[in-house]
Amino acid sequence: MVFGLGRSKSAPKHREIGPLQLAEMVRAGTVLVVDVREADEFAAGHIPGAINMPLSGFQPSRLPVPAGKTLVLNCLGGKRSALALEKCGVAQAAVDTHLAGGFGAWQAAGLPVER
């Protein structure tokens, strides 16, 4: 494969977890979800307990300290959370995980939505 063309499912650049795995982490209280969608998207519905840090003003230095929890980023489909993870990598922030398929995958799995 030529770099930049196509995607390899076998080696994602960032750690990805699925909606059911994230739902279990939310139920167990072992995760802090940071939604990087814009405020109006977040207000329309988000993962229960998530906090909103829109990508448009995202600064890894402002990420909350997860206090023993795994920090997981999400957006609508996975692209913006991957971009936020890139910013975290550049800033050497200790977050490397996002929700595969984003909030769309969460909703498609029939999981609870908070408004």
PDB file of N, CA and C in Angstrom:
ATOM      1  N   MET A   1       0.842  -1.182   0.000  1.00  0.00           N
ATOM      2  CA  MET A   1       0.000   0.000   0.000  1.00  0.00           C
ATOM      3  C   MET A   1       0.885   1.243   0.000  1.00  0.00           C
ATOM      4  N   VAL A   2       0.488   2.229  -0.759  1.00  0.00           N
ATOM      5  CA  VAL A   2       1.207   3.492  -0.814  1.00  0.00           C
ATOM      6  C   VAL A   2       0.732   4.348   0.354  1.00  0.00           C
ATOM      7  N   PHE A   3       1.671   4.968   1.042  1.00  0.00           N
ATOM      8  CA  PHE A   3       1.280   5.794   2.186  1.00  0.00           C
ATOM      9  C   PHE A   3       0.357   6.913   1.728  1.00  0.00           C
ATOM     10  N   GLY A   4      -0.709   7.128   2.503  1.00  0.00           N
ATOM     11  CA  GLY A   4      -1.662   8.176   2.189  1.00  0.00           C
ATOM     12  C   GLY A   4      -2.796   7.699   1.293  1.00  0.00           C
ATOM     13  N   LEU A   5      -2.652   6.523   0.703  1.00  0.00           N
ATOM     14  CA  LEU A   5      -3.710   5.998  -0.142  1.00  0.00           C
ATOM     15  C   LEU A   5      -4.312   4.766   0.507  1.00  0.00           C
ATOM     16  N   GLY A   6      -5.598   4.795   0.694  1.00  0.00           N
ATOM     17  CA  GLY A   6      -6.266   3.654   1.313  1.00  0.00           C
ATOM     18  C   GLY A   6      -6.017   3.588   2.809  1.00  0.00           C
ATOM     19  N   ARG A   7      -6.636   2.612   3.421  1.00  0.00           N
ATOM     20  CA  ARG A   7      -6.473   2.435   4.863  1.00  0.00           C
ATOM     21  C   ARG A   7      -6.227   0.982   5.172  1.00  0.00           C
ATOM     22  N   SER A   8      -5.431   0.760   6.157  1.00  0.00           N
ATOM     23  CA  SER A   8      -5.198  -0.604   6.609  1.00  0.00           C
ATOM     24  C   SER A   8      -6.003  -0.820   7.878  1.00  0.00           C
ATOM     25  N   LYS A   9      -6.948  -1.742   7.832  1.00  0.00           N
ATOM     26  CA  LYS A   9      -7.751  -2.039   9.019  1.00  0.00           C
ATOM     27  C   LYS A   9      -6.925  -2.802  10.057  1.00  0.00           C
ATOM     28  N   SER A  10      -5.852  -3.440   9.639  1.00  0.00           N
ATOM     29  CA  SER A  10      -5.072  -4.248  10.562  1.00  0.00           C
ATOM     30  C   SER A  10      -4.202  -3.399  11.489  1.00  0.00           C
ATOM     31  N   ALA A  11      -3.900  -2.175  11.100  1.00  0.00           N
ATOM     32  CA  ALA A  11      -3.017  -1.349  11.914  1.00  0.00           C
ATOM     33  C   ALA A  11      -3.537   0.082  12.010  1.00  0.00           C
ATOM     34  N   PRO A  12      -4.617   0.309  12.793  1.00  0.00           N
ATOM     35  CA  PRO A  12      -5.101   1.683  12.928  1.00  0.00           C
ATOM     36  C   PRO A  12      -4.045   2.551  13.596  1.00  0.00           C
ATOM     37  N   LYS A  13      -4.039   3.822  13.225  1.00  0.00           N
ATOM     38  CA  LYS A  13      -3.038   4.739  13.762  1.00  0.00           C
ATOM     39  C   LYS A  13      -3.247   4.999  15.246  1.00  0.00           C
ATOM     40  N   HIS A  14      -4.491   5.015  15.644  1.00  0.00           N
ATOM     41  CA  HIS A  14      -4.833   5.238  17.045  1.00  0.00           C
ATOM     42  C   HIS A  14      -5.607   4.032  17.556  1.00  0.00           C
ATOM     43  N   ARG A  15      -5.626   3.882  18.859  1.00  0.00           N
ATOM     44  CA  ARG A  15      -6.416   2.802  19.447  1.00  0.00           C
ATOM     45  C   ARG A  15      -7.886   3.137  19.264  1.00  0.00           C
ATOM     46  N   GLU A  16      -8.628   2.176  18.775  1.00  0.00           N
ATOM     47  CA  GLU A  16     -10.062   2.363  18.574  1.00  0.00           C
ATOM     48  C   GLU A  16     -10.806   1.339  19.417  1.00  0.00           C
ATOM     49  N   ILE A  17     -11.898   1.787  20.011  1.00  0.00           N
ATOM     50  CA  ILE A  17     -12.772   0.854  20.711  1.00  0.00           C
ATOM     51  C   ILE A  17     -14.156   0.979  20.103  1.00  0.00           C
ATOM     52  N   GLY A  18     -14.914  -0.082  20.181  1.00  0.00           N
ATOM     53  CA  GLY A  18     -16.260  -0.085  19.625  1.00  0.00           C
ATOM     54  C   GLY A  18     -17.281   0.450  20.618  1.00  0.00           C
ATOM     55  N   PRO A  19     -18.483   0.743  20.132  1.00  0.00           N
ATOM     56  CA  PRO A  19     -19.513   1.313  20.999  1.00  0.00           C
ATOM     57  C   PRO A  19     -19.911   0.403  22.162  1.00  0.00           C
ATOM     58  N   LEU A  20     -19.970  -0.899  21.952  1.00  0.00           N
ATOM     59  CA  LEU A  20     -20.365  -1.797  23.048  1.00  0.00           C
ATOM     60  C   LEU A  20     -19.289  -1.841  24.131  1.00  0.00           C
ATOM     61  N   GLN A  21     -18.021  -1.831  23.719  1.00  0.00           N
ATOM     62  CA  GLN A  21     -16.925  -1.801  24.695  1.00  0.00           C
ATOM     63  C   GLN A  21     -16.950  -0.484  25.476  1.00  0.00           C
ATOM     64  N   LEU A  22     -17.189   0.618  24.772  1.00  0.00           N
ATOM     65  CA  LEU A  22     -17.254   1.913  25.454  1.00  0.00           C
ATOM     66  C   LEU A  22     -18.452   1.958  26.405  1.00  0.00           C
ATOM     67  N   ALA A  23     -19.591   1.407  25.981  1.00  0.00           N
ATOM     68  CA  ALA A  23     -20.783   1.391  26.836  1.00  0.00           C
ATOM     69  C   ALA A  23     -20.505   0.652  28.140  1.00  0.00           C
ATOM     70  N   GLU A  24     -19.776  -0.457  28.046  1.00  0.00           N
ATOM     71  CA  GLU A  24     -19.426  -1.211  29.246  1.00  0.00           C
ATOM     72  C   GLU A  24     -18.513  -0.380  30.156  1.00  0.00           C
ATOM     73  N   MET A  25     -17.575   0.346  29.560  1.00  0.00           N
ATOM     74  CA  MET A  25     -16.682   1.203  30.342  1.00  0.00           C
ATOM     75  C   MET A  25     -17.461   2.333  31.013  1.00  0.00           C
ATOM     76  N   VAL A  26     -18.459   2.903  30.296  1.00  0.00           N
ATOM     77  CA  VAL A  26     -19.303   3.960  30.877  1.00  0.00           C
ATOM     78  C   VAL A  26     -20.068   3.386  32.068  1.00  0.00           C
ATOM     79  N   ARG A  27     -20.672   2.205  31.891  1.00  0.00           N
ATOM     80  CA  ARG A  27     -21.428   1.561  32.983  1.00  0.00           C
ATOM     81  C   ARG A  27     -20.537   1.284  34.190  1.00  0.00           C
ATOM     82  N   ALA A  28     -19.296   0.872  33.923  1.00  0.00           N
ATOM     83  CA  ALA A  28     -18.364   0.531  35.008  1.00  0.00           C
ATOM     84  C   ALA A  28     -17.712   1.760  35.636  1.00  0.00           C
ATOM     85  N   GLY A  29     -17.897   2.925  35.017  1.00  0.00           N
ATOM     86  CA  GLY A  29     -17.296   4.144  35.558  1.00  0.00           C
ATOM     87  C   GLY A  29     -15.788   4.207  35.380  1.00  0.00           C
ATOM     88  N   THR A  30     -15.269   3.549  34.331  1.00  0.00           N
ATOM     89  CA  THR A  30     -13.817   3.498  34.126  1.00  0.00           C
ATOM     90  C   THR A  30     -13.344   4.376  32.980  1.00  0.00           C
ATOM     91  N   VAL A  31     -14.222   5.231  32.473  1.00  0.00           N
ATOM     92  CA  VAL A  31     -13.885   6.041  31.302  1.00  0.00           C
ATOM     93  C   VAL A  31     -14.351   7.480  31.479  1.00  0.00           C
ATOM     94  N   LEU A  32     -13.605   8.395  30.870  1.00  0.00           N
ATOM     95  CA  LEU A  32     -14.021   9.787  30.740  1.00  0.00           C
ATOM     96  C   LEU A  32     -14.104  10.052  29.243  1.00  0.00           C
ATOM     97  N   VAL A  33     -15.316  10.297  28.739  1.00  0.00           N
ATOM     98  CA  VAL A  33     -15.532  10.524  27.312  1.00  0.00           C
ATOM     99  C   VAL A  33     -15.482  12.020  27.031  1.00  0.00           C
ATOM    100  N   VAL A  34     -14.655  12.389  26.050  1.00  0.00           N
ATOM    101  CA  VAL A  34     -14.550  13.780  25.615  1.00  0.00           C
ATOM    102  C   VAL A  34     -15.055  13.840  24.177  1.00  0.00           C
ATOM    103  N   ASP A  35     -16.157  14.560  23.993  1.00  0.00           N
ATOM    104  CA  ASP A  35     -16.810  14.704  22.689  1.00  0.00           C
ATOM    105  C   ASP A  35     -16.252  15.954  22.020  1.00  0.00           C
ATOM    106  N   VAL A  36     -15.663  15.803  20.833  1.00  0.00           N
ATOM    107  CA  VAL A  36     -15.030  16.939  20.170  1.00  0.00           C
ATOM    108  C   VAL A  36     -15.925  17.569  19.097  1.00  0.00           C
ATOM    109  N   ARG A  37     -17.214  17.198  19.095  1.00  0.00           N
ATOM    110  CA  ARG A  37     -18.152  17.851  18.173  1.00  0.00           C
ATOM    111  C   ARG A  37     -18.445  19.262  18.668  1.00  0.00           C
ATOM    112  N   GLU A  38     -19.030  20.066  17.795  1.00  0.00           N
ATOM    113  CA  GLU A  38     -19.377  21.433  18.181  1.00  0.00           C
ATOM    114  C   GLU A  38     -20.515  21.421  19.202  1.00  0.00           C
ATOM    115  N   ALA A  39     -20.648  22.519  19.943  1.00  0.00           N
ATOM    116  CA  ALA A  39     -21.591  22.601  21.070  1.00  0.00           C
ATOM    117  C   ALA A  39     -23.027  22.285  20.664  1.00  0.00           C
ATOM    118  N   ASP A  40     -23.468  22.738  19.491  1.00  0.00           N
ATOM    119  CA  ASP A  40     -24.845  22.468  19.074  1.00  0.00           C
ATOM    120  C   ASP A  40     -25.061  20.983  18.789  1.00  0.00           C
ATOM    121  N   GLU A  41     -24.054  20.316  18.225  1.00  0.00           N
ATOM    122  CA  GLU A  41     -24.149  18.872  17.984  1.00  0.00           C
ATOM    123  C   GLU A  41     -24.208  18.120  19.313  1.00  0.00           C
ATOM    124  N   PHE A  42     -23.365  18.534  20.245  1.00  0.00           N
ATOM    125  CA  PHE A  42     -23.311  17.910  21.566  1.00  0.00           C
ATOM    126  C   PHE A  42     -24.657  18.066  22.282  1.00  0.00           C
ATOM    127  N   ALA A  43     -25.224  19.279  22.216  1.00  0.00           N
ATOM    128  CA  ALA A  43     -26.500  19.554  22.884  1.00  0.00           C
ATOM    129  C   ALA A  43     -27.632  18.708  22.302  1.00  0.00           C
ATOM    130  N   ALA A  44     -27.548  18.373  21.023  1.00  0.00           N
ATOM    131  CA  ALA A  44     -28.596  17.587  20.368  1.00  0.00           C
ATOM    132  C   ALA A  44     -28.582  16.125  20.818  1.00  0.00           C
ATOM    133  N   GLY A  45     -27.481  15.687  21.412  1.00  0.00           N
ATOM    134  CA  GLY A  45     -27.388  14.326  21.929  1.00  0.00           C
ATOM    135  C   GLY A  45     -25.949  13.877  22.015  1.00  0.00           C
ATOM    136  N   HIS A  46     -25.619  13.214  23.129  1.00  0.00           N
ATOM    137  CA  HIS A  46     -24.249  12.754  23.347  1.00  0.00           C
ATOM    138  C   HIS A  46     -24.240  11.523  24.249  1.00  0.00           C
ATOM    139  N   ILE A  47     -23.075  10.924  24.360  1.00  0.00           N
ATOM    140  CA  ILE A  47     -22.893   9.762  25.227  1.00  0.00           C
ATOM    141  C   ILE A  47     -23.073  10.215  26.674  1.00  0.00           C
ATOM    142  N   PRO A  48     -23.861   9.509  27.472  1.00  0.00           N
ATOM    143  CA  PRO A  48     -24.077   9.918  28.860  1.00  0.00           C
ATOM    144  C   PRO A  48     -22.760  10.126  29.618  1.00  0.00           C
ATOM    145  N   GLY A  49     -22.682  11.280  30.290  1.00  0.00           N
ATOM    146  CA  GLY A  49     -21.506  11.609  31.087  1.00  0.00           C
ATOM    147  C   GLY A  49     -20.370  12.257  30.318  1.00  0.00           C
ATOM    148  N   ALA A  50     -20.505  12.349  28.990  1.00  0.00           N
ATOM    149  CA  ALA A  50     -19.436  12.942  28.178  1.00  0.00           C
ATOM    150  C   ALA A  50     -19.318  14.435  28.468  1.00  0.00           C
ATOM    151  N   ILE A  51     -18.108  14.950  28.265  1.00  0.00           N
ATOM    152  CA  ILE A  51     -17.898  16.393  28.342  1.00  0.00           C
ATOM    153  C   ILE A  51     -17.587  16.884  26.936  1.00  0.00           C
ATOM    154  N   ASN A  52     -17.855  18.155  26.678  1.00  0.00           N
ATOM    155  CA  ASN A  52     -17.705  18.716  25.340  1.00  0.00           C
ATOM    156  C   ASN A  52     -16.480  19.617  25.251  1.00  0.00           C
ATOM    157  N   MET A  53     -15.598  19.299  24.311  1.00  0.00           N
ATOM    158  CA  MET A  53     -14.420  20.126  23.999  1.00  0.00           C
ATOM    159  C   MET A  53     -14.318  20.184  22.482  1.00  0.00           C
ATOM    160  N   PRO A  54     -15.053  21.111  21.829  1.00  0.00           N
ATOM    161  CA  PRO A  54     -15.109  21.151  20.369  1.00  0.00           C
ATOM    162  C   PRO A  54     -13.724  21.222  19.710  1.00  0.00           C
ATOM    163  N   LEU A  55     -13.586  20.497  18.611  1.00  0.00           N
ATOM    164  CA  LEU A  55     -12.329  20.458  17.883  1.00  0.00           C
ATOM    165  C   LEU A  55     -11.896  21.850  17.444  1.00  0.00           C
ATOM    166  N   SER A  56     -12.872  22.727  17.135  1.00  0.00           N
ATOM    167  CA  SER A  56     -12.542  24.075  16.647  1.00  0.00           C
ATOM    168  C   SER A  56     -11.671  24.851  17.628  1.00  0.00           C
ATOM    169  N   GLY A  57     -11.738  24.531  18.903  1.00  0.00           N
ATOM    170  CA  GLY A  57     -10.899  25.201  19.900  1.00  0.00           C
ATOM    171  C   GLY A  57     -10.112  24.223  20.746  1.00  0.00           C
ATOM    172  N   PHE A  58      -9.965  22.991  20.235  1.00  0.00           N
ATOM    173  CA  PHE A  58      -9.364  21.908  21.017  1.00  0.00           C
ATOM    174  C   PHE A  58      -7.901  22.177  21.355  1.00  0.00           C
ATOM    175  N   GLN A  59      -7.585  22.053  22.641  1.00  0.00           N
ATOM    176  CA  GLN A  59      -6.211  22.182  23.114  1.00  0.00           C
ATOM    177  C   GLN A  59      -5.935  21.020  24.064  1.00  0.00           C
ATOM    178  N   PRO A  60      -5.010  20.131  23.691  1.00  0.00           N
ATOM    179  CA  PRO A  60      -4.714  18.989  24.559  1.00  0.00           C
ATOM    180  C   PRO A  60      -4.361  19.389  25.984  1.00  0.00           C
ATOM    181  N   SER A  61      -3.764  20.548  26.158  1.00  0.00           N
ATOM    182  CA  SER A  61      -3.382  20.996  27.499  1.00  0.00           C
ATOM    183  C   SER A  61      -4.597  21.255  28.388  1.00  0.00           C
ATOM    184  N   ARG A  62      -5.768  21.386  27.789  1.00  0.00           N
ATOM    185  CA  ARG A  62      -6.989  21.647  28.562  1.00  0.00           C
ATOM    186  C   ARG A  62      -7.801  20.382  28.828  1.00  0.00           C
ATOM    187  N   LEU A  63      -7.293  19.242  28.373  1.00  0.00           N
ATOM    188  CA  LEU A  63      -7.995  17.985  28.667  1.00  0.00           C
ATOM    189  C   LEU A  63      -8.030  17.767  30.174  1.00  0.00           C
ATOM    190  N   PRO A  64      -9.156  17.306  30.693  1.00  0.00           N
ATOM    191  CA  PRO A  64      -9.232  17.035  32.125  1.00  0.00           C
ATOM    192  C   PRO A  64      -8.344  15.858  32.511  1.00  0.00           C
ATOM    193  N   VAL A  65      -7.904  15.852  33.738  1.00  0.00           N
ATOM    194  CA  VAL A  65      -7.151  14.713  34.263  1.00  0.00           C
ATOM    195  C   VAL A  65      -8.178  13.622  34.553  1.00  0.00           C
ATOM    196  N   PRO A  66      -8.038  12.459  33.920  1.00  0.00           N
ATOM    197  CA  PRO A  66      -9.081  11.442  34.057  1.00  0.00           C
ATOM    198  C   PRO A  66      -9.102  10.687  35.382  1.00  0.00           C
ATOM    199  N   ALA A  67      -8.200  10.967  36.302  1.00  0.00           N
ATOM    200  CA  ALA A  67      -8.201  10.372  37.651  1.00  0.00           C
ATOM    201  C   ALA A  67      -8.399   8.860  37.641  1.00  0.00           C
ATOM    202  N   GLY A  68      -7.468   8.153  37.018  1.00  0.00           N
ATOM    203  CA  GLY A  68      -7.519   6.700  37.013  1.00  0.00           C
ATOM    204  C   GLY A  68      -8.440   6.099  35.973  1.00  0.00           C
ATOM    205  N   LYS A  69      -9.077   6.934  35.169  1.00  0.00           N
ATOM    206  CA  LYS A  69      -9.977   6.447  34.127  1.00  0.00           C
ATOM    207  C   LYS A  69      -9.277   6.535  32.773  1.00  0.00           C
ATOM    208  N   THR A  70      -9.791   5.800  31.811  1.00  0.00           N
ATOM    209  CA  THR A  70      -9.310   5.893  30.436  1.00  0.00           C
ATOM    210  C   THR A  70     -10.000   7.067  29.773  1.00  0.00           C
ATOM    211  N   LEU A  71      -9.249   7.917  29.121  1.00  0.00           N
ATOM    212  CA  LEU A  71      -9.813   9.052  28.398  1.00  0.00           C
ATOM    213  C   LEU A  71     -10.055   8.617  26.959  1.00  0.00           C
ATOM    214  N   VAL A  72     -11.294   8.756  26.488  1.00  0.00           N
ATOM    215  CA  VAL A  72     -11.667   8.349  25.135  1.00  0.00           C
ATOM    216  C   VAL A  72     -12.325   9.535  24.439  1.00  0.00           C
ATOM    217  N   LEU A  73     -11.841   9.842  23.238  1.00  0.00           N
ATOM    218  CA  LEU A  73     -12.419  10.931  22.447  1.00  0.00           C
ATOM    219  C   LEU A  73     -13.479  10.370  21.511  1.00  0.00           C
ATOM    220  N   ASN A  74     -14.470  11.197  21.193  1.00  0.00           N
ATOM    221  CA  ASN A  74     -15.449  10.812  20.179  1.00  0.00           C
ATOM    222  C   ASN A  74     -15.956  12.028  19.434  1.00  0.00           C
ATOM    223  N   CYS A  75     -16.486  11.780  18.240  1.00  0.00           N
ATOM    224  CA  CYS A  75     -17.127  12.816  17.431  1.00  0.00           C
ATOM    225  C   CYS A  75     -18.321  12.141  16.752  1.00  0.00           C
ATOM    226  N   LEU A  76     -18.721  12.591  15.576  1.00  0.00           N
ATOM    227  CA  LEU A  76     -19.874  11.969  14.935  1.00  0.00           C
ATOM    228  C   LEU A  76     -19.500  10.666  14.235  1.00  0.00           C
ATOM    229  N   GLY A  77     -18.392  10.670  13.484  1.00  0.00           N
ATOM    230  CA  GLY A  77     -18.041   9.485  12.711  1.00  0.00           C
ATOM    231  C   GLY A  77     -16.639   8.951  12.927  1.00  0.00           C
ATOM    232  N   GLY A  78     -15.812   9.671  13.667  1.00  0.00           N
ATOM    233  CA  GLY A  78     -14.452   9.213  13.954  1.00  0.00           C
ATOM    234  C   GLY A  78     -13.353  10.074  13.366  1.00  0.00           C
ATOM    235  N   LYS A  79     -13.682  10.933  12.405  1.00  0.00           N
ATOM    236  CA  LYS A  79     -12.648  11.745  11.755  1.00  0.00           C
ATOM    237  C   LYS A  79     -12.135  12.856  12.675  1.00  0.00           C
ATOM    238  N   ARG A  80     -13.049  13.624  13.272  1.00  0.00           N
ATOM    239  CA  ARG A  80     -12.611  14.733  14.130  1.00  0.00           C
ATOM    240  C   ARG A  80     -11.903  14.236  15.384  1.00  0.00           C
ATOM    241  N   SER A  81     -12.365  13.108  15.944  1.00  0.00           N
ATOM    242  CA  SER A  81     -11.675  12.592  17.128  1.00  0.00           C
ATOM    243  C   SER A  81     -10.270  12.116  16.757  1.00  0.00           C
ATOM    244  N   ALA A  82     -10.093  11.585  15.548  1.00  0.00           N
ATOM    245  CA  ALA A  82      -8.751  11.197  15.089  1.00  0.00           C
ATOM    246  C   ALA A  82      -7.876  12.446  14.934  1.00  0.00           C
ATOM    247  N   LEU A  83      -8.452  13.531  14.421  1.00  0.00           N
ATOM    248  CA  LEU A  83      -7.698  14.788  14.303  1.00  0.00           C
ATOM    249  C   LEU A  83      -7.304  15.313  15.682  1.00  0.00           C
ATOM    250  N   ALA A  84      -8.214  15.212  16.641  1.00  0.00           N
ATOM    251  CA  ALA A  84      -7.897  15.630  18.013  1.00  0.00           C
ATOM    252  C   ALA A  84      -6.786  14.769  18.590  1.00  0.00           C
ATOM    253  N   LEU A  85      -6.810  13.462  18.287  1.00  0.00           N
ATOM    254  CA  LEU A  85      -5.747  12.577  18.763  1.00  0.00           C
ATOM    255  C   LEU A  85      -4.405  12.955  18.143  1.00  0.00           C
ATOM    256  N   GLU A  86      -4.420  13.408  16.887  1.00  0.00           N
ATOM    257  CA  GLU A  86      -3.184  13.882  16.252  1.00  0.00           C
ATOM    258  C   GLU A  86      -2.616  15.062  17.051  1.00  0.00           C
ATOM    259  N   LYS A  87      -3.501  15.984  17.436  1.00  0.00           N
ATOM    260  CA  LYS A  87      -3.062  17.132  18.243  1.00  0.00           C
ATOM    261  C   LYS A  87      -2.501  16.669  19.581  1.00  0.00           C
ATOM    262  N   CYS A  88      -3.124  15.656  20.166  1.00  0.00           N
ATOM    263  CA  CYS A  88      -2.642  15.117  21.434  1.00  0.00           C
ATOM    264  C   CYS A  88      -1.253  14.506  21.259  1.00  0.00           C
ATOM    265  N   GLY A  89      -1.054  13.806  20.153  1.00  0.00           N
ATOM    266  CA  GLY A  89       0.242  13.188  19.882  1.00  0.00           C
ATOM    267  C   GLY A  89       1.334  14.231  19.748  1.00  0.00           C
ATOM    268  N   VAL A  90       1.038  15.309  19.038  1.00  0.00           N
ATOM    269  CA  VAL A  90       2.007  16.387  18.864  1.00  0.00           C
ATOM    270  C   VAL A  90       2.333  17.009  20.215  1.00  0.00           C
ATOM    271  N   ALA A  91       1.319  17.146  21.065  1.00  0.00           N
ATOM    272  CA  ALA A  91       1.506  17.750  22.392  1.00  0.00           C
ATOM    273  C   ALA A  91       1.980  16.726  23.416  1.00  0.00           C
ATOM    274  N   GLN A  92       2.126  15.481  22.987  1.00  0.00           N
ATOM    275  CA  GLN A  92       2.532  14.384  23.859  1.00  0.00           C
ATOM    276  C   GLN A  92       1.573  14.194  25.032  1.00  0.00           C
ATOM    277  N   ALA A  93       0.295  14.433  24.770  1.00  0.00           N
ATOM    278  CA  ALA A  93      -0.729  14.197  25.790  1.00  0.00           C
ATOM    279  C   ALA A  93      -0.975  12.691  25.892  1.00  0.00           C
ATOM    280  N   ALA A  94      -1.302  12.246  27.075  1.00  0.00           N
ATOM    281  CA  ALA A  94      -1.466  10.812  27.332  1.00  0.00           C
ATOM    282  C   ALA A  94      -2.871  10.329  26.993  1.00  0.00           C
ATOM    283  N   VAL A  95      -3.290  10.541  25.756  1.00  0.00           N
ATOM    284  CA  VAL A  95      -4.572  10.016  25.282  1.00  0.00           C
ATOM    285  C   VAL A  95      -4.333   9.463  23.880  1.00  0.00           C
ATOM    286  N   ASP A  96      -4.801   8.243  23.648  1.00  0.00           N
ATOM    287  CA  ASP A  96      -4.549   7.621  22.352  1.00  0.00           C
ATOM    288  C   ASP A  96      -5.755   6.838  21.830  1.00  0.00           C
ATOM    289  N   THR A  97      -6.930   7.030  22.431  1.00  0.00           N
ATOM    290  CA  THR A  97      -8.080   6.183  22.122  1.00  0.00           C
ATOM    291  C   THR A  97      -9.277   7.012  21.677  1.00  0.00           C
ATOM    292  N   HIS A  98      -9.982   6.494  20.653  1.00  0.00           N
ATOM    293  CA  HIS A  98     -11.242   7.115  20.268  1.00  0.00           C
ATOM    294  C   HIS A  98     -12.256   6.049  19.883  1.00  0.00           C
ATOM    295  N   LEU A  99     -13.504   6.481  19.807  1.00  0.00           N
ATOM    296  CA  LEU A  99     -14.617   5.587  19.508  1.00  0.00           C
ATOM    297  C   LEU A  99     -14.689   5.345  18.010  1.00  0.00           C
ATOM    298  N   ALA A 100     -14.487   4.102  17.588  1.00  0.00           N
ATOM    299  CA  ALA A 100     -14.586   3.737  16.172  1.00  0.00           C
ATOM    300  C   ALA A 100     -16.010   4.004  15.688  1.00  0.00           C
ATOM    301  N   GLY A 101     -16.144   4.772  14.629  1.00  0.00           N
ATOM    302  CA  GLY A 101     -17.471   5.074  14.100  1.00  0.00           C
ATOM    303  C   GLY A 101     -18.172   6.206  14.811  1.00  0.00           C
ATOM    304  N   GLY A 102     -17.586   6.708  15.888  1.00  0.00           N
ATOM    305  CA  GLY A 102     -18.111   7.871  16.595  1.00  0.00           C
ATOM    306  C   GLY A 102     -19.509   7.711  17.162  1.00  0.00           C
ATOM    307  N   PHE A 103     -20.141   8.858  17.401  1.00  0.00           N
ATOM    308  CA  PHE A 103     -21.473   8.890  17.998  1.00  0.00           C
ATOM    309  C   PHE A 103     -22.491   8.203  17.089  1.00  0.00           C
ATOM    310  N   GLY A 104     -22.251   8.244  15.775  1.00  0.00           N
ATOM    311  CA  GLY A 104     -23.137   7.549  14.842  1.00  0.00           C
ATOM    312  C   GLY A 104     -23.180   6.057  15.135  1.00  0.00           C
ATOM    313  N   ALA A 105     -22.013   5.462  15.413  1.00  0.00           N
ATOM    314  CA  ALA A 105     -21.948   4.033  15.748  1.00  0.00           C
ATOM    315  C   ALA A 105     -22.614   3.768  17.095  1.00  0.00           C
ATOM    316  N   TRP A 106     -22.441   4.692  18.035  1.00  0.00           N
ATOM    317  CA  TRP A 106     -23.074   4.581  19.357  1.00  0.00           C
ATOM    318  C   TRP A 106     -24.593   4.515  19.183  1.00  0.00           C
ATOM    319  N   GLN A 107     -25.152   5.451  18.398  1.00  0.00           N
ATOM    320  CA  GLN A 107     -26.589   5.481  18.175  1.00  0.00           C
ATOM    321  C   GLN A 107     -27.065   4.246  17.413  1.00  0.00           C
ATOM    322  N   ALA A 108     -26.304   3.821  16.405  1.00  0.00           N
ATOM    323  CA  ALA A 108     -26.672   2.659  15.601  1.00  0.00           C
ATOM    324  C   ALA A 108     -26.725   1.388  16.459  1.00  0.00           C
ATOM    325  N   ALA A 109     -25.928   1.362  17.534  1.00  0.00           N
ATOM    326  CA  ALA A 109     -25.926   0.211  18.443  1.00  0.00           C
ATOM    327  C   ALA A 109     -27.103   0.273  19.430  1.00  0.00           C
ATOM    328  N   GLY A 110     -27.897   1.338  19.357  1.00  0.00           N
ATOM    329  CA  GLY A 110     -29.073   1.465  20.229  1.00  0.00           C
ATOM    330  C   GLY A 110     -28.728   1.817  21.666  1.00  0.00           C
ATOM    331  N   LEU A 111     -27.573   2.453  21.862  1.00  0.00           N
ATOM    332  CA  LEU A 111     -27.120   2.803  23.216  1.00  0.00           C
ATOM    333  C   LEU A 111     -27.761   4.110  23.676  1.00  0.00           C
ATOM    334  N   PRO A 112     -27.804   4.353  25.002  1.00  0.00           N
ATOM    335  CA  PRO A 112     -28.485   5.537  25.521  1.00  0.00           C
ATOM    336  C   PRO A 112     -27.822   6.842  25.085  1.00  0.00           C
ATOM    337  N   VAL A 113     -28.672   7.853  24.882  1.00  0.00           N
ATOM    338  CA  VAL A 113     -28.227   9.183  24.475  1.00  0.00           C
ATOM    339  C   VAL A 113     -28.701  10.172  25.525  1.00  0.00           C
ATOM    340  N   GLU A 114     -27.807  11.059  25.928  1.00  0.00           N
ATOM    341  CA  GLU A 114     -28.133  12.109  26.893  1.00  0.00           C
ATOM    342  C   GLU A 114     -28.303  13.409  26.132  1.00  0.00           C
ATOM    343  N   ARG A 115     -29.276  14.197  26.567  1.00  0.00           N
ATOM    344  CA  ARG A 115     -29.509  15.517  25.930  1.00  0.00           C
ATOM    345  C   ARG A 115     -29.549  16.591  26.978  1.00  0.00           C
TER     346      ARG A 115
END
